[in-house]
Structures are given as C-alpha cells and as structure tokens.
Amino acid sequence: MKDYIYQRVLDTAEYILQNNATVRQTAKKFCVSKSTVHKDVSDRLFFIDKTLYEKVKIVLNKNMAERHIRGGIATKNKFKTQA
C-alpha cells in the first residue's frame, strides 16, 4: 500500500471518530469519493489497525441506523421552506 493511501485511511478514520461523521461528510472533507472513504474504512483499515476499525465500524453502523431519520428531517425542512 502506498504511503499516501495508508495516511489517508488513518486520517479519515480519525475524522469519523472525532466528528461522528458520515461517509458523505468525510468524503467532502477529504475531497474524495464516498466509495473511496467506504473502501478505506471498511476494507483497508482492518489490515492497518483492527482496534480503530472496530471503533469506526460502531460509528458507521450508528449513522446507518439513523439515516432514515435524517432523510425525513431533510424532506420536512425542504417542504417547510417551499410553503
């Protein structure tokens, strides 16, 4: 693995933990695609740091469980501003 990829994996994982960030927020912050962030934290991170991987996995699972709520709030706000 190239050094810059190794460092990006660690940086994105730390960002997700510190900010409770979603994959989308992390991708925007690091100017990479959501697919890249997902690949970094779900595949590559496992081989780099397993304890960090487990912590990030908890945050991502929480975000996945809450995403339908955030989507509903976004839709509500969209129609609230249109009316």
PDB file of N, CA and C in Angstrom:
ATOM      1  N   MET A   1       0.849  -1.170   0.000  1.00  0.00           N
ATOM      2  CA  MET A   1       0.000   0.000   0.000  1.00  0.00           C
ATOM      3  C   MET A   1       0.900   1.240   0.000  1.00  0.00           C
ATOM      4  N   LYS A   2       0.539   2.202  -0.819  1.00  0.00           N
ATOM      5  CA  LYS A   2       1.324   3.430  -0.908  1.00  0.00           C
ATOM      6  C   LYS A   2       1.156   4.245   0.362  1.00  0.00           C
ATOM      7  N   ASP A   3       2.177   5.024   0.662  1.00  0.00           N
ATOM      8  CA  ASP A   3       2.190   5.793   1.908  1.00  0.00           C
ATOM      9  C   ASP A   3       1.029   6.780   2.006  1.00  0.00           C
ATOM     10  N   TYR A   4       0.699   7.452   0.900  1.00  0.00           N
ATOM     11  CA  TYR A   4      -0.367   8.440   0.960  1.00  0.00           C
ATOM     12  C   TYR A   4      -1.732   7.782   1.193  1.00  0.00           C
ATOM     13  N   ILE A   5      -1.919   6.585   0.687  1.00  0.00           N
ATOM     14  CA  ILE A   5      -3.178   5.872   0.928  1.00  0.00           C
ATOM     15  C   ILE A   5      -3.247   5.434   2.386  1.00  0.00           C
ATOM     16  N   TYR A   6      -2.148   4.914   2.877  1.00  0.00           N
ATOM     17  CA  TYR A   6      -2.061   4.498   4.282  1.00  0.00           C
ATOM     18  C   TYR A   6      -2.414   5.670   5.201  1.00  0.00           C
ATOM     19  N   GLN A   7      -1.837   6.832   4.929  1.00  0.00           N
ATOM     20  CA  GLN A   7      -2.101   8.012   5.761  1.00  0.00           C
ATOM     21  C   GLN A   7      -3.541   8.486   5.612  1.00  0.00           C
ATOM     22  N   ARG A   8      -4.089   8.441   4.391  1.00  0.00           N
ATOM     23  CA  ARG A   8      -5.472   8.856   4.168  1.00  0.00           C
ATOM     24  C   ARG A   8      -6.442   7.963   4.946  1.00  0.00           C
ATOM     25  N   VAL A   9      -6.161   6.669   4.971  1.00  0.00           N
ATOM     26  CA  VAL A   9      -7.016   5.736   5.705  1.00  0.00           C
ATOM     27  C   VAL A   9      -7.051   6.112   7.181  1.00  0.00           C
ATOM     28  N   LEU A  10      -5.890   6.359   7.759  1.00  0.00           N
ATOM     29  CA  LEU A  10      -5.834   6.729   9.177  1.00  0.00           C
ATOM     30  C   LEU A  10      -6.484   8.081   9.434  1.00  0.00           C
ATOM     31  N   ASP A  11      -6.260   9.045   8.537  1.00  0.00           N
ATOM     32  CA  ASP A  11      -6.844  10.373   8.708  1.00  0.00           C
ATOM     33  C   ASP A  11      -8.369  10.343   8.623  1.00  0.00           C
ATOM     34  N   THR A  12      -8.891   9.600   7.662  1.00  0.00           N
ATOM     35  CA  THR A  12     -10.350   9.527   7.532  1.00  0.00           C
ATOM     36  C   THR A  12     -10.975   8.806   8.720  1.00  0.00           C
ATOM     37  N   ALA A  13     -10.323   7.776   9.203  1.00  0.00           N
ATOM     38  CA  ALA A  13     -10.841   7.041  10.362  1.00  0.00           C
ATOM     39  C   ALA A  13     -10.871   7.945  11.596  1.00  0.00           C
ATOM     40  N   GLU A  14      -9.810   8.694  11.821  1.00  0.00           N
ATOM     41  CA  GLU A  14      -9.765   9.614  12.961  1.00  0.00           C
ATOM     42  C   GLU A  14     -10.831  10.698  12.832  1.00  0.00           C
ATOM     43  N   TYR A  15     -11.022  11.208  11.624  1.00  0.00           N
ATOM     44  CA  TYR A  15     -12.034  12.242  11.397  1.00  0.00           C
ATOM     45  C   TYR A  15     -13.431  11.709  11.710  1.00  0.00           C
ATOM     46  N   ILE A  16     -13.718  10.509  11.264  1.00  0.00           N
ATOM     47  CA  ILE A  16     -15.027   9.907  11.525  1.00  0.00           C
ATOM     48  C   ILE A  16     -15.250   9.753  13.026  1.00  0.00           C
ATOM     49  N   LEU A  17     -14.233   9.306  13.743  1.00  0.00           N
ATOM     50  CA  LEU A  17     -14.371   9.122  15.188  1.00  0.00           C
ATOM     51  C   LEU A  17     -14.530  10.445  15.931  1.00  0.00           C
ATOM     52  N   GLN A  18     -13.727  11.424  15.587  1.00  0.00           N
ATOM     53  CA  GLN A  18     -13.753  12.698  16.301  1.00  0.00           C
ATOM     54  C   GLN A  18     -15.032  13.485  16.069  1.00  0.00           C
ATOM     55  N   ASN A  19     -15.596  13.373  14.864  1.00  0.00           N
ATOM     56  CA  ASN A  19     -16.743  14.193  14.500  1.00  0.00           C
ATOM     57  C   ASN A  19     -18.050  13.420  14.361  1.00  0.00           C
ATOM     58  N   ASN A  20     -18.026  12.114  14.628  1.00  0.00           N
ATOM     59  CA  ASN A  20     -19.202  11.278  14.381  1.00  0.00           C
ATOM     60  C   ASN A  20     -19.707  11.492  12.954  1.00  0.00           C
ATOM     61  N   ALA A  21     -18.783  11.600  12.035  1.00  0.00           N
ATOM     62  CA  ALA A  21     -19.088  11.982  10.663  1.00  0.00           C
ATOM     63  C   ALA A  21     -19.628  10.810   9.855  1.00  0.00           C
ATOM     64  N   THR A  22     -20.427  11.150   8.873  1.00  0.00           N
ATOM     65  CA  THR A  22     -20.919  10.158   7.928  1.00  0.00           C
ATOM     66  C   THR A  22     -19.889   9.976   6.824  1.00  0.00           C
ATOM     67  N   VAL A  23     -20.092   8.968   6.002  1.00  0.00           N
ATOM     68  CA  VAL A  23     -19.201   8.733   4.868  1.00  0.00           C
ATOM     69  C   VAL A  23     -19.253   9.935   3.924  1.00  0.00           C
ATOM     70  N   ARG A  24     -20.429  10.482   3.724  1.00  0.00           N
ATOM     71  CA  ARG A  24     -20.589  11.631   2.828  1.00  0.00           C
ATOM     72  C   ARG A  24     -19.843  12.854   3.350  1.00  0.00           C
ATOM     73  N   GLN A  25     -19.966  13.140   4.636  1.00  0.00           N
ATOM     74  CA  GLN A  25     -19.265  14.280   5.228  1.00  0.00           C
ATOM     75  C   GLN A  25     -17.752  14.096   5.133  1.00  0.00           C
ATOM     76  N   THR A  26     -17.296  12.881   5.388  1.00  0.00           N
ATOM     77  CA  THR A  26     -15.872  12.587   5.336  1.00  0.00           C
ATOM     78  C   THR A  26     -15.342  12.729   3.911  1.00  0.00           C
ATOM     79  N   ALA A  27     -16.093  12.246   2.951  1.00  0.00           N
ATOM     80  CA  ALA A  27     -15.679  12.355   1.551  1.00  0.00           C
ATOM     81  C   ALA A  27     -15.552  13.817   1.139  1.00  0.00           C
ATOM     82  N   LYS A  28     -16.487  14.629   1.565  1.00  0.00           N
ATOM     83  CA  LYS A  28     -16.443  16.052   1.238  1.00  0.00           C
ATOM     84  C   LYS A  28     -15.225  16.718   1.881  1.00  0.00           C
ATOM     85  N   LYS A  29     -14.943  16.377   3.122  1.00  0.00           N
ATOM     86  CA  LYS A  29     -13.821  16.966   3.852  1.00  0.00           C
ATOM     87  C   LYS A  29     -12.482  16.633   3.190  1.00  0.00           C
ATOM     88  N   PHE A  30     -12.306  15.382   2.744  1.00  0.00           N
ATOM     89  CA  PHE A  30     -11.032  14.947   2.186  1.00  0.00           C
ATOM     90  C   PHE A  30     -10.990  14.994   0.660  1.00  0.00           C
ATOM     91  N   CYS A  31     -12.053  15.514   0.037  1.00  0.00           N
ATOM     92  CA  CYS A  31     -12.126  15.672  -1.423  1.00  0.00           C
ATOM     93  C   CYS A  31     -11.882  14.354  -2.160  1.00  0.00           C
ATOM     94  N   VAL A  32     -12.536  13.304  -1.683  1.00  0.00           N
ATOM     95  CA  VAL A  32     -12.502  12.006  -2.354  1.00  0.00           C
ATOM     96  C   VAL A  32     -13.944  11.519  -2.473  1.00  0.00           C
ATOM     97  N   SER A  33     -14.137  10.445  -3.204  1.00  0.00           N
ATOM     98  CA  SER A  33     -15.495   9.928  -3.383  1.00  0.00           C
ATOM     99  C   SER A  33     -15.959   9.153  -2.152  1.00  0.00           C
ATOM    100  N   LYS A  34     -17.277   8.983  -2.061  1.00  0.00           N
ATOM    101  CA  LYS A  34     -17.840   8.191  -0.962  1.00  0.00           C
ATOM    102  C   LYS A  34     -17.353   6.745  -1.057  1.00  0.00           C
ATOM    103  N   SER A  35     -17.193   6.257  -2.264  1.00  0.00           N
ATOM    104  CA  SER A  35     -16.710   4.889  -2.464  1.00  0.00           C
ATOM    105  C   SER A  35     -15.303   4.723  -1.908  1.00  0.00           C
ATOM    106  N   THR A  36     -14.471   5.732  -2.100  1.00  0.00           N
ATOM    107  CA  THR A  36     -13.102   5.678  -1.591  1.00  0.00           C
ATOM    108  C   THR A  36     -13.091   5.654  -0.073  1.00  0.00           C
ATOM    109  N   VAL A  37     -13.896   6.510   0.544  1.00  0.00           N
ATOM    110  CA  VAL A  37     -13.971   6.546   2.005  1.00  0.00           C
ATOM    111  C   VAL A  37     -14.462   5.205   2.528  1.00  0.00           C
ATOM    112  N   HIS A  38     -15.500   4.676   1.908  1.00  0.00           N
ATOM    113  CA  HIS A  38     -16.054   3.403   2.347  1.00  0.00           C
ATOM    114  C   HIS A  38     -15.022   2.289   2.216  1.00  0.00           C
ATOM    115  N   LYS A  39     -14.315   2.240   1.101  1.00  0.00           N
ATOM    116  CA  LYS A  39     -13.275   1.231   0.884  1.00  0.00           C
ATOM    117  C   LYS A  39     -12.154   1.378   1.918  1.00  0.00           C
ATOM    118  N   ASP A  40     -11.783   2.631   2.197  1.00  0.00           N
ATOM    119  CA  ASP A  40     -10.719   2.885   3.164  1.00  0.00           C
ATOM    120  C   ASP A  40     -11.081   2.384   4.553  1.00  0.00           C
ATOM    121  N   VAL A  41     -12.266   2.740   5.029  1.00  0.00           N
ATOM    122  CA  VAL A  41     -12.603   2.431   6.422  1.00  0.00           C
ATOM    123  C   VAL A  41     -13.202   1.047   6.619  1.00  0.00           C
ATOM    124  N   SER A  42     -13.686   0.436   5.559  1.00  0.00           N
ATOM    125  CA  SER A  42     -14.275  -0.889   5.749  1.00  0.00           C
ATOM    126  C   SER A  42     -13.351  -2.024   5.310  1.00  0.00           C
ATOM    127  N   ASP A  43     -12.434  -1.758   4.398  1.00  0.00           N
ATOM    128  CA  ASP A  43     -11.526  -2.814   3.936  1.00  0.00           C
ATOM    129  C   ASP A  43     -10.087  -2.577   4.384  1.00  0.00           C
ATOM    130  N   ARG A  44      -9.540  -1.464   3.982  1.00  0.00           N
ATOM    131  CA  ARG A  44      -8.120  -1.203   4.235  1.00  0.00           C
ATOM    132  C   ARG A  44      -7.808  -1.014   5.709  1.00  0.00           C
ATOM    133  N   LEU A  45      -8.673  -0.341   6.433  1.00  0.00           N
ATOM    134  CA  LEU A  45      -8.417  -0.049   7.842  1.00  0.00           C
ATOM    135  C   LEU A  45      -8.305  -1.334   8.660  1.00  0.00           C
ATOM    136  N   PHE A  46      -9.039  -2.349   8.289  1.00  0.00           N
ATOM    137  CA  PHE A  46      -8.999  -3.626   9.007  1.00  0.00           C
ATOM    138  C   PHE A  46      -7.576  -4.188   9.063  1.00  0.00           C
ATOM    139  N   PHE A  47      -6.838  -4.051   7.976  1.00  0.00           N
ATOM    140  CA  PHE A  47      -5.482  -4.595   7.916  1.00  0.00           C
ATOM    141  C   PHE A  47      -4.447  -3.664   8.537  1.00  0.00           C
ATOM    142  N   ILE A  48      -4.802  -2.390   8.711  1.00  0.00           N
ATOM    143  CA  ILE A  48      -3.870  -1.421   9.282  1.00  0.00           C
ATOM    144  C   ILE A  48      -3.978  -1.372  10.799  1.00  0.00           C
ATOM    145  N   ASP A  49      -5.215  -1.218  11.296  1.00  0.00           N
ATOM    146  CA  ASP A  49      -5.414  -1.055  12.744  1.00  0.00           C
ATOM    147  C   ASP A  49      -6.784  -1.620  13.105  1.00  0.00           C
ATOM    148  N   LYS A  50      -6.814  -2.818  13.648  1.00  0.00           N
ATOM    149  CA  LYS A  50      -8.082  -3.504  13.917  1.00  0.00           C
ATOM    150  C   LYS A  50      -8.889  -2.838  15.026  1.00  0.00           C
ATOM    151  N   THR A  51      -8.226  -2.282  16.028  1.00  0.00           N
ATOM    152  CA  THR A  51      -8.986  -1.629  17.105  1.00  0.00           C
ATOM    153  C   THR A  51      -9.643  -0.349  16.593  1.00  0.00           C
ATOM    154  N   LEU A  52      -8.932   0.407  15.769  1.00  0.00           N
ATOM    155  CA  LEU A  52      -9.517   1.612  15.168  1.00  0.00           C
ATOM    156  C   LEU A  52     -10.661   1.232  14.235  1.00  0.00           C
ATOM    157  N   TYR A  53     -10.484   0.149  13.512  1.00  0.00           N
ATOM    158  CA  TYR A  53     -11.532  -0.361  12.618  1.00  0.00           C
ATOM    159  C   TYR A  53     -12.820  -0.648  13.397  1.00  0.00           C
ATOM    160  N   GLU A  54     -12.696  -1.298  14.544  1.00  0.00           N
ATOM    161  CA  GLU A  54     -13.876  -1.627  15.355  1.00  0.00           C
ATOM    162  C   GLU A  54     -14.590  -0.360  15.843  1.00  0.00           C
ATOM    163  N   LYS A  55     -13.825   0.648  16.231  1.00  0.00           N
ATOM    164  CA  LYS A  55     -14.425   1.904  16.697  1.00  0.00           C
ATOM    165  C   LYS A  55     -15.156   2.625  15.568  1.00  0.00           C
ATOM    166  N   VAL A  56     -14.530   2.669  14.398  1.00  0.00           N
ATOM    167  CA  VAL A  56     -15.147   3.329  13.243  1.00  0.00           C
ATOM    168  C   VAL A  56     -16.390   2.571  12.812  1.00  0.00           C
ATOM    169  N   LYS A  57     -16.336   1.266  12.874  1.00  0.00           N
ATOM    170  CA  LYS A  57     -17.477   0.427  12.485  1.00  0.00           C
ATOM    171  C   LYS A  57     -18.704   0.749  13.341  1.00  0.00           C
ATOM    172  N   ILE A  58     -18.489   0.998  14.632  1.00  0.00           N
ATOM    173  CA  ILE A  58     -19.589   1.356  15.532  1.00  0.00           C
ATOM    174  C   ILE A  58     -20.233   2.672  15.098  1.00  0.00           C
ATOM    175  N   VAL A  59     -19.409   3.664  14.780  1.00  0.00           N
ATOM    176  CA  VAL A  59     -19.927   4.967  14.346  1.00  0.00           C
ATOM    177  C   VAL A  59     -20.686   4.835  13.029  1.00  0.00           C
ATOM    178  N   LEU A  60     -20.127   4.105  12.080  1.00  0.00           N
ATOM    179  CA  LEU A  60     -20.784   3.948  10.782  1.00  0.00           C
ATOM    180  C   LEU A  60     -22.099   3.172  10.903  1.00  0.00           C
ATOM    181  N   ASN A  61     -22.143   2.171  11.760  1.00  0.00           N
ATOM    182  CA  ASN A  61     -23.393   1.434  11.966  1.00  0.00           C
ATOM    183  C   ASN A  61     -24.452   2.320  12.610  1.00  0.00           C
ATOM    184  N   LYS A  62     -24.044   3.180  13.536  1.00  0.00           N
ATOM    185  CA  LYS A  62     -24.981   4.124  14.160  1.00  0.00           C
ATOM    186  C   LYS A  62     -25.522   5.090  13.111  1.00  0.00           C
ATOM    187  N   ASN A  63     -24.633   5.595  12.256  1.00  0.00           N
ATOM    188  CA  ASN A  63     -25.066   6.509  11.200  1.00  0.00           C
ATOM    189  C   ASN A  63     -26.023   5.825  10.230  1.00  0.00           C
ATOM    190  N   MET A  64     -25.756   4.562   9.930  1.00  0.00           N
ATOM    191  CA  MET A  64     -26.625   3.838   9.018  1.00  0.00           C
ATOM    192  C   MET A  64     -28.011   3.622   9.633  1.00  0.00           C
ATOM    193  N   ALA A  65     -28.040   3.384  10.926  1.00  0.00           N
ATOM    194  CA  ALA A  65     -29.320   3.172  11.599  1.00  0.00           C
ATOM    195  C   ALA A  65     -30.127   4.463  11.682  1.00  0.00           C
ATOM    196  N   GLU A  66     -29.465   5.606  11.689  1.00  0.00           N
ATOM    197  CA  GLU A  66     -30.150   6.895  11.831  1.00  0.00           C
ATOM    198  C   GLU A  66     -30.429   7.589  10.503  1.00  0.00           C
ATOM    199  N   ARG A  67     -29.960   7.050   9.399  1.00  0.00           N
ATOM    200  CA  ARG A  67     -30.045   7.789   8.142  1.00  0.00           C
ATOM    201  C   ARG A  67     -31.473   8.048   7.688  1.00  0.00           C
ATOM    202  N   HIS A  68     -32.394   7.141   7.970  1.00  0.00           N
ATOM    203  CA  HIS A  68     -33.776   7.376   7.558  1.00  0.00           C
ATOM    204  C   HIS A  68     -34.385   8.537   8.339  1.00  0.00           C
ATOM    205  N   ILE A  69     -33.940   8.752   9.545  1.00  0.00           N
ATOM    206  CA  ILE A  69     -34.429   9.875  10.348  1.00  0.00           C
ATOM    207  C   ILE A  69     -33.901  11.190   9.776  1.00  0.00           C
ATOM    208  N   ARG A  70     -32.605  11.222   9.455  1.00  0.00           N
ATOM    209  CA  ARG A  70     -32.025  12.440   8.872  1.00  0.00           C
ATOM    210  C   ARG A  70     -32.669  12.764   7.533  1.00  0.00           C
ATOM    211  N   GLY A  71     -32.978  11.735   6.759  1.00  0.00           N
ATOM    212  CA  GLY A  71     -33.643  11.954   5.479  1.00  0.00           C
ATOM    213  C   GLY A  71     -35.029  12.532   5.655  1.00  0.00           C
ATOM    214  N   GLY A  72     -35.754  12.044   6.647  1.00  0.00           N
ATOM    215  CA  GLY A  72     -37.086  12.579   6.922  1.00  0.00           C
ATOM    216  C   GLY A  72     -37.040  14.028   7.369  1.00  0.00           C
ATOM    217  N   ILE A  73     -36.064  14.368   8.187  1.00  0.00           N
ATOM    218  CA  ILE A  73     -35.908  15.746   8.648  1.00  0.00           C
ATOM    219  C   ILE A  73     -35.565  16.664   7.473  1.00  0.00           C
ATOM    220  N   ALA A  74     -34.695  16.204   6.588  1.00  0.00           N
ATOM    221  CA  ALA A  74     -34.318  16.993   5.419  1.00  0.00           C
ATOM    222  C   ALA A  74     -35.519  17.237   4.514  1.00  0.00           C
ATOM    223  N   THR A  75     -36.337  16.203   4.321  1.00  0.00           N
ATOM    224  CA  THR A  75     -37.532  16.364   3.494  1.00  0.00           C
ATOM    225  C   THR A  75     -38.517  17.322   4.138  1.00  0.00           C
ATOM    226  N   LYS A  76     -38.701  17.213   5.442  1.00  0.00           N
ATOM    227  CA  LYS A  76     -39.595  18.115   6.157  1.00  0.00           C
ATOM    228  C   LYS A  76     -39.137  19.556   6.015  1.00  0.00           C
ATOM    229  N   ASN A  77     -37.853  19.793   6.190  1.00  0.00           N
ATOM    230  CA  ASN A  77     -37.323  21.148   6.068  1.00  0.00           C
ATOM    231  C   ASN A  77     -37.438  21.675   4.647  1.00  0.00           C
ATOM    232  N   LYS A  78     -37.272  20.804   3.672  1.00  0.00           N
ATOM    233  CA  LYS A  78     -37.399  21.206   2.261  1.00  0.00           C
ATOM    234  C   LYS A  78     -38.800  21.728   1.982  1.00  0.00           C
ATOM    235  N   PHE A  79     -39.806  20.996   2.419  1.00  0.00           N
ATOM    236  CA  PHE A  79     -41.175  21.411   2.134  1.00  0.00           C
ATOM    237  C   PHE A  79     -41.613  22.559   3.035  1.00  0.00           C
ATOM    238  N   LYS A  80     -41.002  22.687   4.187  1.00  0.00           N
ATOM    239  CA  LYS A  80     -41.304  23.807   5.073  1.00  0.00           C
ATOM    240  C   LYS A  80     -40.865  25.125   4.453  1.00  0.00           C
ATOM    241  N   THR A  81     -39.696  25.122   3.798  1.00  0.00           N
ATOM    242  CA  THR A  81     -39.188  26.348   3.182  1.00  0.00           C
ATOM    243  C   THR A  81     -39.906  26.670   1.882  1.00  0.00           C
ATOM    244  N   GLN A  82     -40.480  25.680   1.211  1.00  0.00           N
ATOM    245  CA  GLN A  82     -41.201  25.914  -0.044  1.00  0.00           C
ATOM    246  C   GLN A  82     -42.577  26.519   0.197  1.00  0.00           C
ATOM    247  N   ALA A  83     -43.163  26.255   1.331  1.00  0.00           N
ATOM    248  CA  ALA A  83     -44.532  26.711   1.588  1.00  0.00           C
ATOM    249  C   ALA A  83     -44.605  28.171   1.959  1.00  0.00           C
TER     250      ALA A  83
END
